[in-house]
Amino acid sequence: MKKKSKQIAAWICIVLLVLLYVATFVIALLDFPGSGTLFQACLVATIGLPILLWIYIWLYGKFKDKHTIASMDILKDEEE
């Protein structure tokens, strides 16, 4: 059951990112009042969403005391 919910969350994130890419592209092509601000917002969201998702996964691992893909202990293993 947990794997299913993680897969659903991953698919939602993928769909959101694709929609952001498409919206950024369409807004770049169109010229209407406020399109510049909307374009900047789409760019910020395109960069910010993956960062926020990584922070969420990292915090989830810290609170649940579990190893996640965002865990920083991977770097420690490489140094040894």
N, C-alpha and C. Protein backbone atom coordinates (compact mmCIF):
# COMPACT_ATOMS: atom_id res chain seq x y z
N MET A 1 0.83 -1.20 0.00
CA MET A 1 0.00 0.00 0.00
C MET A 1 0.86 1.26 0.00
N LYS A 2 1.96 1.25 0.77
CA LYS A 2 2.81 2.43 0.82
C LYS A 2 3.46 2.69 -0.53
N LYS A 3 3.89 1.61 -1.19
CA LYS A 3 4.53 1.79 -2.48
C LYS A 3 3.55 2.39 -3.48
N LYS A 4 2.31 2.00 -3.40
CA LYS A 4 1.28 2.52 -4.30
C LYS A 4 1.10 4.03 -4.09
N SER A 5 1.06 4.48 -2.84
CA SER A 5 0.88 5.91 -2.58
C SER A 5 2.10 6.71 -3.01
N LYS A 6 3.29 6.13 -2.87
CA LYS A 6 4.50 6.81 -3.34
C LYS A 6 4.51 6.92 -4.86
N GLN A 7 4.04 5.88 -5.53
CA GLN A 7 3.97 5.91 -6.98
C GLN A 7 2.96 6.96 -7.46
N ILE A 8 1.85 7.05 -6.78
CA ILE A 8 0.84 8.06 -7.13
C ILE A 8 1.41 9.46 -6.94
N ALA A 9 2.10 9.68 -5.82
CA ALA A 9 2.71 10.99 -5.56
C ALA A 9 3.76 11.31 -6.61
N ALA A 10 4.54 10.32 -7.01
CA ALA A 10 5.56 10.54 -8.03
C ALA A 10 4.93 10.91 -9.37
N TRP A 11 3.86 10.21 -9.75
CA TRP A 11 3.17 10.52 -11.00
C TRP A 11 2.55 11.91 -10.97
N ILE A 12 2.01 12.30 -9.83
CA ILE A 12 1.44 13.65 -9.71
C ILE A 12 2.53 14.70 -9.92
N CYS A 13 3.68 14.47 -9.33
CA CYS A 13 4.79 15.41 -9.49
C CYS A 13 5.27 15.48 -10.93
N ILE A 14 5.33 14.33 -11.59
CA ILE A 14 5.74 14.31 -13.00
C ILE A 14 4.75 15.09 -13.85
N VAL A 15 3.47 14.86 -13.62
CA VAL A 15 2.44 15.56 -14.38
C VAL A 15 2.52 17.07 -14.13
N LEU A 16 2.72 17.47 -12.87
CA LEU A 16 2.84 18.89 -12.56
C LEU A 16 4.03 19.53 -13.27
N LEU A 17 5.16 18.84 -13.28
CA LEU A 17 6.33 19.39 -13.97
C LEU A 17 6.10 19.50 -15.47
N VAL A 18 5.49 18.50 -16.07
CA VAL A 18 5.21 18.56 -17.51
C VAL A 18 4.25 19.71 -17.81
N LEU A 19 3.23 19.87 -16.98
CA LEU A 19 2.29 20.99 -17.17
C LEU A 19 3.00 22.33 -17.02
N LEU A 20 3.92 22.43 -16.08
CA LEU A 20 4.68 23.67 -15.93
C LEU A 20 5.54 23.95 -17.16
N TYR A 21 6.18 22.90 -17.71
CA TYR A 21 6.98 23.09 -18.92
C TYR A 21 6.12 23.55 -20.08
N VAL A 22 4.96 22.93 -20.25
CA VAL A 22 4.06 23.30 -21.34
C VAL A 22 3.53 24.73 -21.13
N ALA A 23 3.14 25.05 -19.90
CA ALA A 23 2.63 26.40 -19.62
C ALA A 23 3.71 27.44 -19.86
N THR A 24 4.94 27.16 -19.46
CA THR A 24 6.04 28.10 -19.69
C THR A 24 6.25 28.31 -21.19
N PHE A 25 6.21 27.24 -21.96
CA PHE A 25 6.39 27.34 -23.41
C PHE A 25 5.27 28.14 -24.06
N VAL A 26 4.03 27.85 -23.69
CA VAL A 26 2.88 28.55 -24.28
C VAL A 26 2.90 30.03 -23.92
N ILE A 27 3.21 30.32 -22.66
CA ILE A 27 3.24 31.72 -22.23
C ILE A 27 4.36 32.48 -22.93
N ALA A 28 5.48 31.80 -23.20
CA ALA A 28 6.57 32.44 -23.92
C ALA A 28 6.17 32.80 -25.35
N LEU A 29 5.28 32.00 -25.93
CA LEU A 29 4.85 32.27 -27.30
C LEU A 29 3.77 33.33 -27.39
N LEU A 30 2.93 33.43 -26.37
CA LEU A 30 1.82 34.38 -26.39
C LEU A 30 2.24 35.73 -25.85
N ASP A 31 1.56 36.76 -26.32
CA ASP A 31 1.85 38.12 -25.84
C ASP A 31 0.54 38.75 -25.38
N PHE A 32 0.35 38.80 -24.08
CA PHE A 32 -0.82 39.44 -23.50
C PHE A 32 -0.38 40.18 -22.25
N PRO A 33 -1.20 41.09 -21.75
CA PRO A 33 -0.79 41.84 -20.55
C PRO A 33 -0.53 40.91 -19.37
N GLY A 34 0.61 41.07 -18.76
CA GLY A 34 0.97 40.24 -17.61
C GLY A 34 1.65 38.94 -17.96
N SER A 35 1.91 38.72 -19.25
CA SER A 35 2.53 37.45 -19.64
C SER A 35 3.97 37.35 -19.14
N GLY A 36 4.65 38.49 -19.03
CA GLY A 36 6.02 38.47 -18.53
C GLY A 36 6.09 38.00 -17.08
N THR A 37 5.18 38.49 -16.27
CA THR A 37 5.13 38.09 -14.86
C THR A 37 4.74 36.62 -14.73
N LEU A 38 3.78 36.20 -15.52
CA LEU A 38 3.34 34.81 -15.50
C LEU A 38 4.46 33.87 -15.96
N PHE A 39 5.23 34.31 -16.97
CA PHE A 39 6.36 33.53 -17.45
C PHE A 39 7.41 33.38 -16.35
N GLN A 40 7.71 34.45 -15.64
CA GLN A 40 8.67 34.38 -14.54
C GLN A 40 8.18 33.45 -13.44
N ALA A 41 6.90 33.52 -13.13
CA ALA A 41 6.34 32.64 -12.11
C ALA A 41 6.46 31.17 -12.52
N CYS A 42 6.22 30.87 -13.79
CA CYS A 42 6.36 29.50 -14.28
C CYS A 42 7.80 29.02 -14.18
N LEU A 43 8.75 29.89 -14.51
CA LEU A 43 10.16 29.51 -14.41
C LEU A 43 10.55 29.25 -12.96
N VAL A 44 10.11 30.11 -12.06
CA VAL A 44 10.42 29.92 -10.64
C VAL A 44 9.80 28.61 -10.14
N ALA A 45 8.57 28.33 -10.53
CA ALA A 45 7.92 27.09 -10.11
C ALA A 45 8.61 25.86 -10.71
N THR A 46 9.10 25.98 -11.95
CA THR A 46 9.79 24.87 -12.59
C THR A 46 11.08 24.52 -11.85
N ILE A 47 11.73 25.52 -11.32
CA ILE A 47 12.96 25.29 -10.55
C ILE A 47 12.62 24.96 -9.10
N GLY A 48 11.64 25.65 -8.54
CA GLY A 48 11.33 25.50 -7.12
C GLY A 48 10.62 24.21 -6.76
N LEU A 49 9.77 23.69 -7.62
CA LEU A 49 9.01 22.48 -7.30
C LEU A 49 9.92 21.27 -7.04
N PRO A 50 10.89 20.98 -7.90
CA PRO A 50 11.77 19.85 -7.59
C PRO A 50 12.59 20.05 -6.31
N ILE A 51 12.99 21.28 -6.06
CA ILE A 51 13.74 21.57 -4.83
C ILE A 51 12.86 21.33 -3.61
N LEU A 52 11.62 21.81 -3.66
CA LEU A 52 10.70 21.60 -2.54
C LEU A 52 10.39 20.12 -2.35
N LEU A 53 10.26 19.38 -3.44
CA LEU A 53 10.00 17.94 -3.34
C LEU A 53 11.19 17.22 -2.71
N TRP A 54 12.41 17.62 -3.08
CA TRP A 54 13.59 17.00 -2.48
C TRP A 54 13.64 17.28 -0.98
N ILE A 55 13.35 18.53 -0.59
CA ILE A 55 13.33 18.89 0.84
C ILE A 55 12.26 18.08 1.57
N TYR A 56 11.10 17.92 0.96
CA TYR A 56 10.03 17.13 1.58
C TYR A 56 10.47 15.68 1.79
N ILE A 57 11.08 15.08 0.78
CA ILE A 57 11.54 13.69 0.90
C ILE A 57 12.62 13.58 1.97
N TRP A 58 13.53 14.54 2.00
CA TRP A 58 14.61 14.54 2.99
C TRP A 58 14.04 14.66 4.41
N LEU A 59 13.10 15.58 4.62
CA LEU A 59 12.49 15.76 5.94
C LEU A 59 11.69 14.53 6.34
N TYR A 60 10.99 13.92 5.39
CA TYR A 60 10.24 12.70 5.68
C TYR A 60 11.18 11.62 6.20
N GLY A 61 12.33 11.48 5.56
CA GLY A 61 13.31 10.49 6.00
C GLY A 61 13.85 10.80 7.37
N LYS A 62 14.07 12.07 7.67
CA LYS A 62 14.58 12.46 8.98
C LYS A 62 13.55 12.19 10.08
N PHE A 63 12.30 12.56 9.83
CA PHE A 63 11.26 12.37 10.85
C PHE A 63 10.92 10.90 11.06
N LYS A 64 10.93 10.12 10.00
CA LYS A 64 10.60 8.69 10.09
C LYS A 64 11.84 7.85 10.38
N ASP A 65 13.01 8.50 10.41
CA ASP A 65 14.29 7.83 10.65
C ASP A 65 14.49 6.70 9.63
N LYS A 66 14.26 7.05 8.36
CA LYS A 66 14.40 6.10 7.26
C LYS A 66 15.39 6.64 6.24
N HIS A 67 16.01 5.73 5.51
CA HIS A 67 16.91 6.12 4.43
C HIS A 67 16.07 6.40 3.18
N THR A 68 16.26 7.58 2.62
CA THR A 68 15.53 7.95 1.40
C THR A 68 16.53 8.31 0.32
N ILE A 69 16.02 8.55 -0.87
CA ILE A 69 16.88 8.94 -1.98
C ILE A 69 17.53 10.31 -1.73
N ALA A 70 16.93 11.11 -0.87
CA ALA A 70 17.46 12.44 -0.56
C ALA A 70 18.36 12.44 0.66
N SER A 71 18.64 11.28 1.23
CA SER A 71 19.48 11.21 2.42
C SER A 71 20.90 11.65 2.10
N MET A 72 21.48 12.39 3.02
CA MET A 72 22.83 12.90 2.82
C MET A 72 23.89 11.89 3.22
N ASP A 73 23.52 10.77 3.82
CA ASP A 73 24.52 9.79 4.24
C ASP A 73 25.17 9.07 3.07
N ILE A 74 24.65 9.25 1.87
CA ILE A 74 25.27 8.67 0.68
C ILE A 74 26.66 9.28 0.49
N LEU A 75 26.78 10.58 0.75
CA LEU A 75 28.05 11.25 0.63
C LEU A 75 29.07 10.71 1.62
N LYS A 76 28.63 10.36 2.80
CA LYS A 76 29.52 9.81 3.82
C LYS A 76 30.06 8.45 3.38
N ASP A 77 29.23 7.64 2.73
CA ASP A 77 29.65 6.32 2.28
C ASP A 77 30.72 6.43 1.18
N GLU A 78 30.62 7.43 0.33
CA GLU A 78 31.58 7.60 -0.75
C GLU A 78 32.95 8.04 -0.24
N GLU A 79 32.97 8.78 0.87
CA GLU A 79 34.23 9.26 1.41
C GLU A 79 35.04 8.14 2.04
N GLU A 80 34.40 7.12 2.55
CA GLU A 80 35.09 6.03 3.26
C GLU A 80 35.70 5.02 2.33
